[in-house]
Amino acid sequence: MAEARPLDGKVAIVTGAGGGFGESYTRCLTGAGASVVMSDINAENVEAAATRLVGDGVNVLPVTADVTDPASWASVVKSGVDAFGGIDILVNNAGLMSEIPMDVPFSKLDLEWWDRVLAVNLTGPFLGIQAVVPEMKKRGGGRIVNQSSGGAFGPSGVYGVSKLGLVSLTVSMAHELARHKITVNAIAPGFTNTPAAQRSLPEGMEGMAEQIAPLGGGTPEDANGALLLLTTDAGRWITGQTLNVDGGWVMRI
């Protein structure tokens, strides 16, 4: 008889699952026993990621969705309920970072970019939480994890504004949803050695992680421990918190 895994029988939604952190988080959750709805705005990317993950006992469902669209969220949730029976976990990972213009001073950023970044990085998670809460209530509780960033705690332009807003959203939702046994927390990764992260750095700042983080740069997989803590019974008494997983870049007292 196979040994029980901590997320056996649980159903998760992971946004931005077509690569990077989203794919890594999906691999982590399925490895712990969860079935995962893999959501991404890029159909080709999420299908490819799902194909890479498929294996013995791995249940994933790739779907194409826009996190800024309430109707799209309703469809994602319905897909999870229809395929796997409910929703227990939401990982709000989708976000804009490397796409944001790095050669424009923040004070001169076009309103179009301001609106776009906030729509994806902050409104998207808000809509996602609204969409999953009714299903989590039916299951007697749930776990919500928002992907913030170490950039929330320093001068990082509109990206930092959106990620700090996500920290505040985490706290407010954690307070409101605690009575339903739904925890809401955030992970704030630091510099990761991924193509997207490298593209987001100003010119000449390659290798920046090794300069400012005592433990240097990391990988998406380095955040998996925090994800498991916040989505399993090990973290059932943790809510409203932001865990910095960044090699010591941000140290708070």
Protein backbone atom coordinates (compact mmCIF):
# COMPACT_ATOMS: atom_id res chain seq x y z
CA MET A 1 0.00 0.00 0.00
CA ALA A 2 1.37 3.40 -1.00
CA GLU A 3 2.31 5.75 1.81
CA ALA A 4 -0.10 8.67 2.25
CA ARG A 5 1.12 12.03 1.03
CA PRO A 6 0.27 15.34 2.76
CA LEU A 7 -1.97 16.62 -0.05
CA ASP A 8 -3.65 13.39 -1.12
CA GLY A 9 -7.23 14.16 -2.13
CA LYS A 10 -6.64 17.92 -2.35
CA VAL A 11 -7.31 20.01 -5.44
CA ALA A 12 -5.27 23.09 -6.31
CA ILE A 13 -5.34 25.89 -8.87
CA VAL A 14 -1.97 27.35 -9.87
CA THR A 15 -1.95 30.43 -12.09
CA GLY A 16 0.93 31.29 -14.37
CA ALA A 17 1.60 27.54 -14.51
CA GLY A 18 3.13 27.56 -17.99
CA GLY A 19 6.70 27.80 -16.69
CA GLY A 20 8.98 29.22 -14.00
CA PHE A 21 7.56 29.31 -10.48
CA GLY A 22 4.14 28.17 -11.66
CA GLU A 23 5.42 24.96 -13.19
CA SER A 24 7.68 24.34 -10.21
CA TYR A 25 4.81 24.89 -7.77
CA THR A 26 2.63 22.51 -9.76
CA ARG A 27 5.31 19.83 -9.66
CA CYS A 28 5.66 20.35 -5.92
CA LEU A 29 1.92 20.07 -5.23
CA THR A 30 1.40 17.02 -7.42
CA GLY A 31 4.40 15.39 -5.78
CA ALA A 32 2.63 15.87 -2.45
CA GLY A 33 -0.51 14.22 -3.83
CA ALA A 34 -2.67 17.10 -5.06
CA SER A 35 -4.55 17.29 -8.34
CA VAL A 36 -3.78 20.61 -10.03
CA VAL A 37 -5.60 22.87 -12.46
CA MET A 38 -2.77 24.56 -14.35
CA SER A 39 -3.93 28.00 -15.50
CA ASP A 40 -2.01 30.27 -17.87
CA ILE A 41 -2.85 32.93 -20.44
CA ASN A 42 -0.51 31.23 -22.93
CA ALA A 43 -2.16 28.02 -24.14
CA GLU A 44 0.99 26.65 -25.78
CA ASN A 45 3.11 27.15 -22.68
CA VAL A 46 0.67 25.58 -20.24
CA GLU A 47 0.03 22.59 -22.49
CA ALA A 48 3.77 22.01 -22.80
CA ALA A 49 4.28 22.34 -19.05
CA ALA A 50 1.47 19.86 -18.38
CA THR A 51 3.04 17.40 -20.80
CA ARG A 52 6.36 17.67 -18.95
CA LEU A 53 4.61 16.95 -15.65
CA VAL A 54 2.45 14.03 -16.67
CA GLY A 55 3.53 10.79 -15.05
CA ASP A 56 2.35 7.92 -12.92
CA GLY A 57 -0.24 9.18 -10.44
CA VAL A 58 0.04 12.84 -11.51
CA ASN A 59 -3.29 14.57 -12.14
CA VAL A 60 -3.06 17.92 -13.92
CA LEU A 61 -5.54 19.82 -16.06
CA PRO A 62 -4.12 22.61 -18.26
CA VAL A 63 -6.52 25.48 -18.97
CA THR A 64 -6.12 28.82 -20.72
CA ALA A 65 -7.32 31.77 -18.68
CA ASP A 66 -6.89 35.50 -18.10
CA VAL A 67 -6.56 36.31 -14.40
CA THR A 68 -7.91 39.84 -14.96
CA ASP A 69 -11.27 38.50 -16.19
CA PRO A 70 -13.93 37.36 -13.67
CA ALA A 71 -15.60 35.12 -16.26
CA SER A 72 -12.28 33.43 -16.94
CA TRP A 73 -11.86 32.76 -13.22
CA ALA A 74 -15.35 31.26 -13.02
CA SER A 75 -14.42 28.90 -15.85
CA VAL A 76 -11.17 27.83 -14.16
CA VAL A 77 -12.94 27.06 -10.88
CA LYS A 78 -15.67 25.14 -12.69
CA SER A 79 -13.03 23.12 -14.53
CA GLY A 80 -11.44 22.11 -11.23
CA VAL A 81 -14.76 21.19 -9.64
CA ASP A 82 -15.90 19.20 -12.67
CA ALA A 83 -12.60 17.36 -13.10
CA PHE A 84 -11.53 16.80 -9.50
CA GLY A 85 -14.54 17.47 -7.26
CA GLY A 86 -13.73 20.80 -5.60
CA ILE A 87 -11.06 23.38 -4.78
CA ASP A 88 -8.84 23.30 -1.66
CA ILE A 89 -5.80 25.36 -2.64
CA LEU A 90 -5.22 28.49 -4.71
CA VAL A 91 -1.74 29.64 -5.68
CA ASN A 92 -1.92 33.14 -7.18
CA ASN A 93 1.36 33.00 -9.05
CA ALA A 94 0.65 34.73 -12.38
CA GLY A 95 2.27 38.12 -12.68
CA LEU A 96 4.03 40.68 -14.86
CA MET A 97 7.68 41.46 -14.20
CA SER A 98 10.08 41.08 -17.12
CA GLU A 99 7.52 42.64 -19.46
CA ILE A 100 7.55 45.98 -17.60
CA PRO A 101 9.69 48.67 -19.34
CA MET A 102 12.96 49.02 -17.45
CA ASP A 103 14.24 52.01 -19.43
CA VAL A 104 11.49 54.40 -18.31
CA PRO A 105 11.69 56.30 -14.98
CA PHE A 106 8.83 55.35 -12.66
CA SER A 107 7.71 58.99 -12.52
CA LYS A 108 7.23 58.92 -16.30
CA LEU A 109 5.61 55.49 -16.63
CA ASP A 110 2.60 55.46 -18.94
CA LEU A 111 -0.76 55.03 -17.24
CA GLU A 112 -1.38 52.08 -19.54
CA TRP A 113 1.48 50.16 -17.92
CA TRP A 114 0.40 51.17 -14.40
CA ASP A 115 -3.10 49.83 -15.06
CA ARG A 116 -1.84 46.66 -16.75
CA VAL A 117 0.59 45.68 -13.98
CA LEU A 118 -1.92 46.32 -11.20
CA ALA A 119 -4.59 44.41 -13.12
CA VAL A 120 -2.47 41.27 -13.40
CA ASN A 121 -0.44 41.40 -10.18
CA LEU A 122 -3.09 42.67 -7.77
CA THR A 123 -6.58 42.57 -9.25
CA GLY A 124 -5.96 39.06 -10.60
CA PRO A 125 -5.32 37.54 -7.16
CA PHE A 126 -8.26 39.47 -5.72
CA LEU A 127 -10.58 38.01 -8.36
CA GLY A 128 -9.10 34.57 -7.83
CA ILE A 129 -9.79 34.66 -4.12
CA GLN A 130 -13.34 35.78 -4.75
CA ALA A 131 -13.81 32.91 -7.20
CA VAL A 132 -12.50 30.08 -5.00
CA VAL A 133 -13.89 31.02 -1.60
CA PRO A 134 -17.40 29.58 -2.18
CA GLU A 135 -15.89 26.22 -3.16
CA MET A 136 -13.45 26.25 -0.23
CA LYS A 137 -16.32 26.87 2.16
CA LYS A 138 -18.02 23.76 0.83
CA ARG A 139 -14.85 21.78 1.65
CA GLY A 140 -14.68 23.17 5.18
CA GLY A 141 -11.63 25.33 4.61
CA GLY A 142 -8.75 25.99 2.26
CA ARG A 143 -5.30 27.42 1.64
CA ILE A 144 -4.54 30.51 -0.44
CA VAL A 145 -0.96 31.47 -1.29
CA ASN A 146 -0.17 34.73 -3.08
CA GLN A 147 3.10 35.23 -4.93
CA SER A 148 4.55 38.52 -3.73
CA SER A 149 8.23 39.48 -4.09
CA GLY A 150 11.19 40.83 -2.21
CA GLY A 151 10.71 43.77 -4.55
CA ALA A 152 7.68 44.75 -2.47
CA PHE A 153 9.99 45.97 0.29
CA GLY A 154 12.22 48.30 -1.70
CA PRO A 155 12.16 50.74 -4.62
CA SER A 156 10.89 48.56 -7.48
CA GLY A 157 8.56 50.88 -9.36
CA VAL A 158 5.08 49.77 -10.30
CA TYR A 159 6.10 46.13 -9.86
CA GLY A 160 6.96 46.78 -6.21
CA VAL A 161 3.76 48.76 -5.69
CA SER A 162 1.69 45.85 -7.02
CA LYS A 163 3.52 43.28 -4.90
CA LEU A 164 3.28 45.35 -1.72
CA GLY A 165 -0.42 45.77 -2.43
CA LEU A 166 -0.61 41.99 -2.59
CA VAL A 167 0.89 41.78 0.91
CA SER A 168 -1.90 44.06 2.15
CA LEU A 169 -4.52 42.02 0.28
CA THR A 170 -3.12 38.91 1.96
CA VAL A 171 -3.54 40.41 5.43
CA SER A 172 -7.06 41.68 4.80
CA MET A 173 -8.29 38.43 3.29
CA ALA A 174 -6.62 36.37 6.01
CA HIS A 175 -8.49 38.33 8.66
CA GLU A 176 -11.83 38.00 6.88
CA LEU A 177 -11.60 34.35 5.89
CA ALA A 178 -10.16 32.88 9.08
CA ARG A 179 -13.63 32.10 10.44
CA HIS A 180 -14.13 29.82 7.44
CA LYS A 181 -10.84 27.99 8.17
CA ILE A 182 -9.29 29.46 5.03
CA THR A 183 -5.71 30.63 5.51
CA VAL A 184 -4.21 33.33 3.29
CA ASN A 185 -0.45 33.83 3.13
CA ALA A 186 2.17 35.06 0.68
CA ILE A 187 5.59 33.98 -0.50
CA ALA A 188 8.06 36.73 -1.42
CA PRO A 189 10.89 35.24 -3.48
CA GLY A 190 14.11 37.07 -4.14
CA PHE A 191 16.35 37.03 -7.21
CA THR A 192 16.04 33.74 -9.07
CA ASN A 193 18.29 32.58 -11.85
CA THR A 194 15.61 32.36 -14.52
CA PRO A 195 15.53 34.01 -17.95
CA ALA A 196 12.54 36.16 -16.95
CA ALA A 197 14.28 37.43 -13.82
CA GLN A 198 17.47 38.21 -15.70
CA ARG A 199 15.51 40.15 -18.33
CA SER A 200 13.98 42.31 -15.60
CA LEU A 201 17.34 43.54 -14.32
CA PRO A 202 18.74 46.89 -15.48
CA GLU A 203 21.53 46.68 -18.03
CA GLY A 204 24.85 45.80 -16.45
CA MET A 205 23.26 44.33 -13.32
CA GLU A 206 23.63 40.65 -14.23
CA GLY A 207 24.78 38.69 -11.20
CA MET A 208 23.06 41.21 -8.93
CA ALA A 209 21.71 38.49 -6.63
CA GLU A 210 25.19 37.39 -5.63
CA GLN A 211 25.99 40.99 -4.68
CA ILE A 212 23.02 41.77 -2.44
CA ALA A 213 21.75 38.44 -1.03
CA PRO A 214 24.02 36.70 1.51
CA LEU A 215 23.10 33.28 0.10
CA GLY A 216 23.12 34.47 -3.50
CA GLY A 217 20.51 33.78 -6.12
CA GLY A 218 18.04 30.93 -6.03
CA THR A 219 15.75 28.90 -8.25
CA PRO A 220 11.96 28.50 -8.31
CA GLU A 221 12.40 25.16 -6.54
CA ASP A 222 13.87 26.95 -3.53
CA ALA A 223 10.37 28.30 -2.74
CA ASN A 224 8.74 24.87 -2.70
CA GLY A 225 9.39 24.31 1.00
CA ALA A 226 7.49 27.47 1.86
CA LEU A 227 4.66 26.42 -0.45
CA LEU A 228 4.32 23.03 1.24
CA LEU A 229 4.35 24.63 4.67
CA LEU A 230 1.53 26.99 3.72
CA THR A 231 -0.64 24.43 1.91
CA THR A 232 -0.42 21.42 4.23
CA ASP A 233 -1.50 20.80 7.82
CA ALA A 234 2.00 21.80 8.93
CA GLY A 235 0.92 25.42 8.37
CA ARG A 236 -2.66 25.25 9.55
CA TRP A 237 -2.05 27.89 12.27
CA ILE A 238 -0.28 30.33 9.95
CA THR A 239 -2.27 33.07 8.25
CA GLY A 240 -1.79 36.67 7.15
CA GLN A 241 1.97 36.19 6.81
CA THR A 242 4.48 36.91 4.06
CA LEU A 243 7.46 34.56 3.98
CA ASN A 244 10.59 36.01 2.41
CA VAL A 245 12.38 33.25 0.53
CA ASP A 246 15.29 35.15 -0.94
CA GLY A 247 18.70 34.08 0.34
CA GLY A 248 18.66 36.81 2.98
CA TRP A 249 18.01 39.73 0.63
CA VAL A 250 15.22 41.12 2.81
CA MET A 251 15.79 40.76 6.55
CA ARG A 252 13.06 42.10 8.80
CA ILE A 253 12.98 42.44 12.57
